[in-house]
Amino acid sequence: MNRKKIYLANPYGFSQQQKTLLLPIIEVLESLGAEVWEPFARNNQIDISQAGWAYLVAQADVNDVKNCDGIFAIVNGTPPDEGVMVELGIAIACNKAIFLFRDDFRRCTDSESYPLNLMLFAGLPAIGWEKYYYTSLAEISSQQKALYSWLTSS
């Protein structure tokens, strides 16, 4: 069976303490059969002491989003991280499978329909988008949610 590649869009790689927040999420995604592409781990070979390193990292991330099967985006914060938002935009434009994770209780929207900026939901179905939206670690592996179905289908 060919494992689906899921890009884990997140802002947590900038500090060691925040990196630990990713480990349980990666473990759950892998336990469901996903091949997790975590951008900070995938780009750690780029020498950030060299001129032009930021462009190389950005291009590597863009290519990974284009080449993955889907994106699992951590959209905590008010507003969520700008880099994650750009990665989501690319994924939406490329018609990738989109899954949003937000365990941040603060609302970040002007819409009565969505808990975040309505544009983040453009890659989800109009009816049933809630199946693609996760609010806890335990919910990620729920068989009632879209990620489980997507990962276990051929």
Protein backbone atom coordinates (compact mmCIF):
# COMPACT_ATOMS: atom_id res chain seq x y z
CA MET A 1 0.00 0.00 0.00
CA ASN A 2 1.27 3.44 -0.92
CA ARG A 3 1.11 5.76 2.11
CA LYS A 4 -0.38 9.19 1.52
CA LYS A 5 2.00 12.10 2.05
CA ILE A 6 0.61 14.78 4.33
CA TYR A 7 2.32 18.13 4.76
CA LEU A 8 2.16 19.23 8.41
CA ALA A 9 1.93 23.02 8.09
CA ASN A 10 2.84 24.53 11.44
CA PRO A 11 4.72 27.37 13.13
CA TYR A 12 6.20 25.17 15.87
CA GLY A 13 9.70 24.61 14.52
CA PHE A 14 11.07 27.95 15.64
CA SER A 15 11.72 26.86 19.22
CA GLN A 16 12.68 23.59 20.87
CA GLN A 17 9.84 23.90 23.38
CA GLN A 18 7.24 24.34 20.66
CA LYS A 19 8.69 21.47 18.58
CA THR A 20 7.58 19.12 21.36
CA LEU A 21 3.97 20.07 20.56
CA LEU A 22 4.36 18.42 17.16
CA LEU A 23 5.45 15.00 18.39
CA PRO A 24 2.02 13.77 19.49
CA ILE A 25 0.42 15.07 16.29
CA ILE A 26 3.05 13.37 14.13
CA GLU A 27 2.61 10.13 16.08
CA VAL A 28 -1.17 10.13 15.55
CA LEU A 29 -0.86 10.92 11.83
CA GLU A 30 1.73 8.17 11.37
CA SER A 31 -0.38 5.69 13.36
CA LEU A 32 -3.17 6.31 10.83
CA GLY A 33 -0.78 5.41 8.00
CA ALA A 34 0.30 8.87 6.81
CA GLU A 35 3.80 9.72 5.67
CA VAL A 36 4.27 13.02 7.50
CA TRP A 37 6.22 15.80 5.82
CA GLU A 38 7.11 18.22 8.59
CA PRO A 39 8.76 21.26 6.98
CA PHE A 40 11.24 22.11 9.74
CA ALA A 41 12.55 18.53 9.77
CA ARG A 42 12.64 18.32 5.97
CA ASN A 43 14.54 21.60 5.56
CA ASN A 44 17.09 21.16 8.33
CA GLN A 45 19.78 20.42 5.74
CA ILE A 46 19.68 24.02 4.50
CA ASP A 47 22.56 26.02 5.97
CA ILE A 48 20.95 29.14 7.46
CA SER A 49 24.34 30.81 7.83
CA GLN A 50 24.57 31.13 4.02
CA ALA A 51 23.17 34.04 2.04
CA GLY A 52 19.89 33.20 0.35
CA TRP A 53 18.91 30.50 2.83
CA ALA A 54 15.40 31.93 3.41
CA TYR A 55 14.53 31.74 -0.28
CA LEU A 56 15.72 28.12 -0.41
CA VAL A 57 13.58 27.20 2.60
CA ALA A 58 10.53 28.93 1.10
CA GLN A 59 10.98 27.17 -2.25
CA ALA A 60 11.45 23.78 -0.56
CA ASP A 61 8.22 24.31 1.38
CA VAL A 62 6.32 25.35 -1.76
CA ASN A 63 7.58 22.26 -3.59
CA ASP A 64 6.60 20.00 -0.69
CA VAL A 65 3.08 21.45 -0.63
CA LYS A 66 2.80 20.91 -4.39
CA ASN A 67 4.10 17.33 -4.13
CA CYS A 68 2.18 16.12 -1.08
CA ASP A 69 -1.22 14.44 -1.22
CA GLY A 70 -2.79 16.62 1.45
CA ILE A 71 -2.10 19.21 4.12
CA PHE A 72 -2.80 19.11 7.84
CA ALA A 73 -2.49 22.71 8.98
CA ILE A 74 -2.18 23.92 12.55
CA VAL A 75 -4.13 27.15 12.55
CA ASN A 76 -3.75 28.33 16.14
CA GLY A 77 -3.24 32.00 16.92
CA THR A 78 -5.16 35.17 16.21
CA PRO A 79 -4.42 35.40 13.40
CA PRO A 80 -2.81 32.05 12.56
CA ASP A 81 0.81 31.98 11.39
CA GLU A 82 1.35 33.75 8.06
CA GLY A 83 3.53 30.99 6.63
CA VAL A 84 0.91 28.36 7.40
CA MET A 85 -1.70 30.56 5.71
CA VAL A 86 0.40 30.81 2.54
CA GLU A 87 0.97 27.04 2.54
CA LEU A 88 -2.78 26.51 2.88
CA GLY A 89 -3.42 28.88 -0.01
CA ILE A 90 -1.04 26.92 -2.21
CA ALA A 91 -2.67 23.65 -1.17
CA ILE A 92 -6.15 25.00 -1.91
CA ALA A 93 -5.00 26.25 -5.34
CA CYS A 94 -3.49 22.81 -6.07
CA ASN A 95 -6.70 21.02 -5.01
CA LYS A 96 -4.98 19.11 -2.20
CA ALA A 97 -6.91 17.44 0.59
CA ILE A 98 -7.18 20.03 3.40
CA PHE A 99 -7.44 19.36 7.13
CA LEU A 100 -7.41 22.12 9.75
CA PHE A 101 -6.37 21.77 13.39
CA ARG A 102 -7.16 24.43 15.97
CA ASP A 103 -7.20 23.75 19.69
CA ASP A 104 -7.00 27.49 20.38
CA PHE A 105 -10.33 28.49 21.96
CA ARG A 106 -10.20 32.12 20.74
CA ARG A 107 -12.43 33.05 17.83
CA CYS A 108 -10.66 34.59 14.89
CA THR A 109 -13.37 35.51 12.40
CA ASP A 110 -16.00 37.96 11.28
CA SER A 111 -18.22 35.10 10.10
CA GLU A 112 -21.00 33.47 12.09
CA SER A 113 -20.45 30.27 10.09
CA TYR A 114 -16.73 29.63 10.57
CA PRO A 115 -14.33 29.87 13.54
CA LEU A 116 -11.55 31.33 11.34
CA ASN A 117 -11.20 33.54 8.28
CA LEU A 118 -13.68 32.20 5.73
CA MET A 119 -10.97 31.85 3.07
CA LEU A 120 -9.38 28.99 5.04
CA PHE A 121 -12.52 26.97 4.38
CA ALA A 122 -12.41 27.47 0.60
CA GLY A 123 -10.72 24.08 0.18
CA LEU A 124 -13.33 22.26 2.27
CA PRO A 125 -16.86 21.20 1.34
CA ALA A 126 -19.58 23.80 1.97
CA ILE A 127 -21.67 21.20 3.78
CA GLY A 128 -19.83 19.02 6.27
CA TRP A 129 -16.66 21.13 6.56
CA GLU A 130 -16.67 20.26 10.27
CA LYS A 131 -15.41 16.76 9.40
CA TYR A 132 -12.17 18.40 8.17
CA TYR A 133 -11.75 20.61 11.23
CA TYR A 134 -10.07 19.24 14.37
CA THR A 135 -10.08 20.77 17.84
CA SER A 136 -8.20 18.16 19.89
CA LEU A 137 -5.44 15.59 19.59
CA ALA A 138 -7.91 12.77 20.27
CA GLU A 139 -10.18 13.96 17.45
CA ILE A 140 -7.43 13.47 14.82
CA SER A 141 -7.85 9.69 14.86
CA SER A 142 -11.67 9.72 14.98
CA GLN A 143 -13.23 7.39 12.44
CA GLN A 144 -16.08 9.90 12.09
CA LYS A 145 -13.76 12.58 10.70
CA ALA A 146 -12.53 13.09 7.12
CA LEU A 147 -8.82 12.50 7.75
CA TYR A 148 -9.39 8.91 8.85
CA SER A 149 -11.49 8.16 5.76
CA TRP A 150 -9.02 9.87 3.45
CA LEU A 151 -5.99 8.06 4.85
CA THR A 152 -7.62 4.63 4.90
CA SER A 153 -9.12 4.83 1.39
CA SER A 154 -7.06 3.66 -1.57
